[in-house]
Amino acid sequence: MNISVELTFTPLHDQYRDRIKNFILDLRSGGFTISETPLSTQLYGSYDSLMPFLMKTIKTALGNEEKGIMHLKIYNSDRSSYVSDF
């Protein structure tokens, strides 16, 4: 099954920019189709390969923070070709 995952990482301190940048660089390294916006990052791929990658990447990002929020949405289809019609 192919999935689409939307992530927003929010470190809760003033030096957040480098932490978010490093998280996005880690997401880019996975070899998945990726789309970035100012507010979130979307990844697209097979559930069986994407989820273990995300578990490791999210654990690393949150483990480096004293306090942080990871907002995650999972869609049960590949929406990488979605184009708004409005």
N, C-alpha and C. Protein backbone atom coordinates (compact mmCIF):
# COMPACT_ATOMS: atom_id res chain seq x y z
N MET A 1 0.85 -1.18 0.00
CA MET A 1 0.00 0.00 0.00
C MET A 1 0.89 1.24 0.00
N ASN A 2 0.59 2.16 -0.89
CA ASN A 2 1.30 3.44 -0.92
C ASN A 2 0.59 4.44 -0.03
N ILE A 3 1.38 5.30 0.61
CA ILE A 3 0.83 6.29 1.54
C ILE A 3 1.42 7.66 1.25
N SER A 4 0.77 8.66 1.81
CA SER A 4 1.26 10.04 1.82
C SER A 4 1.32 10.47 3.29
N VAL A 5 2.42 11.07 3.68
CA VAL A 5 2.61 11.48 5.07
C VAL A 5 2.97 12.96 5.09
N GLU A 6 2.25 13.71 5.91
CA GLU A 6 2.53 15.14 6.10
C GLU A 6 3.08 15.34 7.50
N LEU A 7 4.23 16.00 7.61
CA LEU A 7 4.88 16.21 8.90
C LEU A 7 5.14 17.69 9.14
N THR A 8 4.96 18.09 10.38
CA THR A 8 5.37 19.42 10.83
C THR A 8 6.11 19.23 12.14
N PHE A 9 7.36 19.65 12.18
CA PHE A 9 8.20 19.54 13.37
C PHE A 9 8.35 20.92 14.00
N THR A 10 8.04 21.03 15.29
CA THR A 10 8.11 22.30 15.99
C THR A 10 8.92 22.15 17.28
N PRO A 11 10.22 22.47 17.25
CA PRO A 11 10.99 22.53 18.50
C PRO A 11 10.50 23.71 19.33
N LEU A 12 10.39 23.54 20.62
CA LEU A 12 9.84 24.59 21.48
C LEU A 12 10.95 25.37 22.19
N HIS A 13 11.75 26.06 21.39
CA HIS A 13 12.78 26.96 21.91
C HIS A 13 13.16 27.94 20.80
N ASP A 14 13.96 28.93 21.13
CA ASP A 14 14.28 30.00 20.19
C ASP A 14 15.24 29.58 19.07
N GLN A 15 16.06 28.57 19.27
CA GLN A 15 17.02 28.13 18.26
C GLN A 15 16.45 26.97 17.44
N TYR A 16 15.30 27.20 16.85
CA TYR A 16 14.57 26.13 16.16
C TYR A 16 14.97 25.95 14.69
N ARG A 17 15.48 26.99 14.05
CA ARG A 17 15.72 26.93 12.60
C ARG A 17 16.66 25.80 12.19
N ASP A 18 17.80 25.68 12.83
CA ASP A 18 18.75 24.63 12.46
C ASP A 18 18.18 23.24 12.74
N ARG A 19 17.41 23.10 13.80
CA ARG A 19 16.81 21.79 14.12
C ARG A 19 15.81 21.37 13.05
N ILE A 20 15.01 22.32 12.60
CA ILE A 20 14.03 22.01 11.54
C ILE A 20 14.77 21.71 10.23
N LYS A 21 15.78 22.50 9.92
CA LYS A 21 16.56 22.28 8.71
C LYS A 21 17.19 20.89 8.73
N ASN A 22 17.78 20.49 9.85
CA ASN A 22 18.39 19.17 9.96
C ASN A 22 17.36 18.05 9.80
N PHE A 23 16.18 18.26 10.35
CA PHE A 23 15.11 17.27 10.21
C PHE A 23 14.72 17.11 8.74
N ILE A 24 14.58 18.22 8.03
CA ILE A 24 14.22 18.15 6.61
C ILE A 24 15.34 17.49 5.80
N LEU A 25 16.59 17.79 6.12
CA LEU A 25 17.70 17.14 5.44
C LEU A 25 17.68 15.63 5.67
N ASP A 26 17.35 15.21 6.89
CA ASP A 26 17.22 13.78 7.17
C ASP A 26 16.09 13.16 6.35
N LEU A 27 14.95 13.87 6.24
CA LEU A 27 13.84 13.36 5.43
C LEU A 27 14.24 13.24 3.97
N ARG A 28 15.00 14.19 3.46
CA ARG A 28 15.45 14.15 2.07
C ARG A 28 16.35 12.95 1.80
N SER A 29 17.07 12.50 2.80
CA SER A 29 18.04 11.41 2.62
C SER A 29 17.39 10.04 2.43
N GLY A 30 16.08 9.94 2.63
CA GLY A 30 15.41 8.64 2.57
C GLY A 30 15.16 8.11 1.19
N GLY A 31 15.28 8.93 0.16
CA GLY A 31 15.06 8.47 -1.19
C GLY A 31 13.60 8.40 -1.60
N PHE A 32 12.71 8.97 -0.80
CA PHE A 32 11.29 8.98 -1.10
C PHE A 32 10.94 10.23 -1.88
N THR A 33 9.79 10.21 -2.56
CA THR A 33 9.28 11.42 -3.19
C THR A 33 8.92 12.38 -2.06
N ILE A 34 9.35 13.64 -2.19
CA ILE A 34 9.17 14.60 -1.10
C ILE A 34 8.69 15.93 -1.67
N SER A 35 7.85 16.60 -0.91
CA SER A 35 7.36 17.94 -1.26
C SER A 35 7.46 18.78 0.00
N GLU A 36 8.05 19.97 -0.14
CA GLU A 36 8.24 20.85 1.01
C GLU A 36 7.46 22.14 0.84
N THR A 37 6.83 22.59 1.91
CA THR A 37 6.17 23.88 1.96
C THR A 37 6.69 24.62 3.19
N PRO A 38 6.38 25.90 3.34
CA PRO A 38 6.85 26.62 4.53
C PRO A 38 6.30 26.04 5.84
N LEU A 39 5.18 25.34 5.81
CA LEU A 39 4.55 24.86 7.04
C LEU A 39 4.66 23.37 7.27
N SER A 40 4.96 22.58 6.23
CA SER A 40 5.03 21.14 6.41
C SER A 40 5.84 20.50 5.30
N THR A 41 6.14 19.23 5.49
CA THR A 41 6.85 18.43 4.50
C THR A 41 6.03 17.18 4.25
N GLN A 42 5.87 16.82 2.98
CA GLN A 42 5.11 15.62 2.63
C GLN A 42 6.06 14.60 2.01
N LEU A 43 5.88 13.34 2.41
CA LEU A 43 6.63 12.23 1.83
C LEU A 43 5.64 11.22 1.27
N TYR A 44 6.05 10.56 0.19
CA TYR A 44 5.19 9.61 -0.50
C TYR A 44 5.98 8.34 -0.76
N GLY A 45 5.34 7.20 -0.49
CA GLY A 45 6.02 5.93 -0.75
C GLY A 45 5.24 4.76 -0.20
N SER A 46 5.88 3.62 -0.22
CA SER A 46 5.30 2.38 0.29
C SER A 46 5.24 2.43 1.82
N TYR A 47 4.11 2.03 2.37
CA TYR A 47 3.94 1.99 3.83
C TYR A 47 5.07 1.21 4.48
N ASP A 48 5.38 0.04 3.93
CA ASP A 48 6.35 -0.86 4.55
C ASP A 48 7.77 -0.32 4.56
N SER A 49 8.10 0.58 3.67
CA SER A 49 9.44 1.18 3.69
C SER A 49 9.44 2.57 4.32
N LEU A 50 8.36 3.32 4.13
CA LEU A 50 8.32 4.69 4.64
C LEU A 50 8.17 4.74 6.17
N MET A 51 7.32 3.91 6.73
CA MET A 51 7.06 3.98 8.17
C MET A 51 8.30 3.66 9.02
N PRO A 52 9.07 2.60 8.73
CA PRO A 52 10.29 2.38 9.53
C PRO A 52 11.28 3.54 9.41
N PHE A 53 11.40 4.12 8.21
CA PHE A 53 12.27 5.29 8.03
C PHE A 53 11.79 6.45 8.89
N LEU A 54 10.49 6.71 8.89
CA LEU A 54 9.94 7.82 9.69
C LEU A 54 10.09 7.56 11.19
N MET A 55 9.89 6.34 11.61
CA MET A 55 10.05 6.04 13.05
C MET A 55 11.45 6.41 13.51
N LYS A 56 12.46 6.04 12.74
CA LYS A 56 13.84 6.34 13.10
C LYS A 56 14.11 7.85 13.03
N THR A 57 13.66 8.49 11.96
CA THR A 57 13.92 9.92 11.76
C THR A 57 13.21 10.78 12.81
N ILE A 58 11.97 10.45 13.10
CA ILE A 58 11.22 11.19 14.12
C ILE A 58 11.83 10.99 15.50
N LYS A 59 12.22 9.77 15.81
CA LYS A 59 12.84 9.49 17.12
C LYS A 59 14.12 10.31 17.29
N THR A 60 14.92 10.41 16.25
CA THR A 60 16.15 11.21 16.30
C THR A 60 15.83 12.68 16.53
N ALA A 61 14.87 13.21 15.76
CA ALA A 61 14.53 14.64 15.87
C ALA A 61 13.99 14.96 17.26
N LEU A 62 13.06 14.17 17.76
CA LEU A 62 12.49 14.45 19.08
C LEU A 62 13.48 14.16 20.20
N GLY A 63 14.35 13.19 19.99
CA GLY A 63 15.36 12.85 20.99
C GLY A 63 16.38 13.95 21.20
N ASN A 64 16.54 14.80 20.20
CA ASN A 64 17.50 15.91 20.30
C ASN A 64 16.89 17.16 20.93
N GLU A 65 15.64 17.10 21.30
CA GLU A 65 14.94 18.25 21.87
C GLU A 65 14.53 17.98 23.32
N GLU A 66 14.60 19.03 24.13
CA GLU A 66 14.03 18.92 25.47
C GLU A 66 12.51 18.91 25.38
N LYS A 67 11.99 19.79 24.50
CA LYS A 67 10.55 19.87 24.26
C LYS A 67 10.32 20.14 22.78
N GLY A 68 9.38 19.42 22.20
CA GLY A 68 9.08 19.60 20.79
C GLY A 68 7.78 18.92 20.42
N ILE A 69 7.23 19.31 19.30
CA ILE A 69 5.97 18.75 18.81
C ILE A 69 6.21 18.20 17.41
N MET A 70 5.69 17.01 17.14
CA MET A 70 5.70 16.44 15.80
C MET A 70 4.25 16.19 15.42
N HIS A 71 3.78 16.93 14.43
CA HIS A 71 2.41 16.77 13.94
C HIS A 71 2.50 15.92 12.68
N LEU A 72 1.70 14.84 12.64
CA LEU A 72 1.80 13.86 11.57
C LEU A 72 0.43 13.49 11.05
N LYS A 73 0.29 13.48 9.72
CA LYS A 73 -0.94 13.01 9.08
C LYS A 73 -0.54 11.91 8.10
N ILE A 74 -1.31 10.84 8.08
CA ILE A 74 -1.05 9.74 7.15
C ILE A 74 -2.30 9.51 6.31
N TYR A 75 -2.12 9.53 5.01
CA TYR A 75 -3.20 9.25 4.06
C TYR A 75 -2.94 7.88 3.46
N ASN A 76 -3.98 7.10 3.26
CA ASN A 76 -3.79 5.74 2.75
C ASN A 76 -3.80 5.68 1.22
N SER A 77 -3.18 6.65 0.60
CA SER A 77 -2.99 6.64 -0.85
C SER A 77 -1.84 7.59 -1.19
N ASP A 78 -1.30 7.42 -2.37
CA ASP A 78 -0.23 8.30 -2.84
C ASP A 78 -0.86 9.53 -3.47
N ARG A 79 -0.72 10.68 -2.80
CA ARG A 79 -1.32 11.92 -3.28
C ARG A 79 -0.27 12.85 -3.88
N SER A 80 0.86 12.30 -4.30
CA SER A 80 1.94 13.13 -4.81
C SER A 80 1.59 13.84 -6.10
N SER A 81 0.61 13.37 -6.83
CA SER A 81 0.24 14.02 -8.09
C SER A 81 -0.97 14.94 -7.92
N TYR A 82 -1.42 15.16 -6.69
CA TYR A 82 -2.57 16.02 -6.43
C TYR A 82 -2.30 17.45 -6.90
N VAL A 83 -3.26 18.00 -7.61
CA VAL A 83 -3.22 19.39 -8.05
C VAL A 83 -4.53 20.04 -7.67
N SER A 84 -4.47 21.15 -7.00
CA SER A 84 -5.67 21.87 -6.60
C SER A 84 -6.44 22.33 -7.83
N ASP A 85 -7.77 22.26 -7.75
CA ASP A 85 -8.58 22.68 -8.90
C ASP A 85 -9.38 23.95 -8.61
N PHE A 86 -8.90 24.76 -7.70
CA PHE A 86 -9.59 26.03 -7.42
C PHE A 86 -8.62 27.19 -7.47
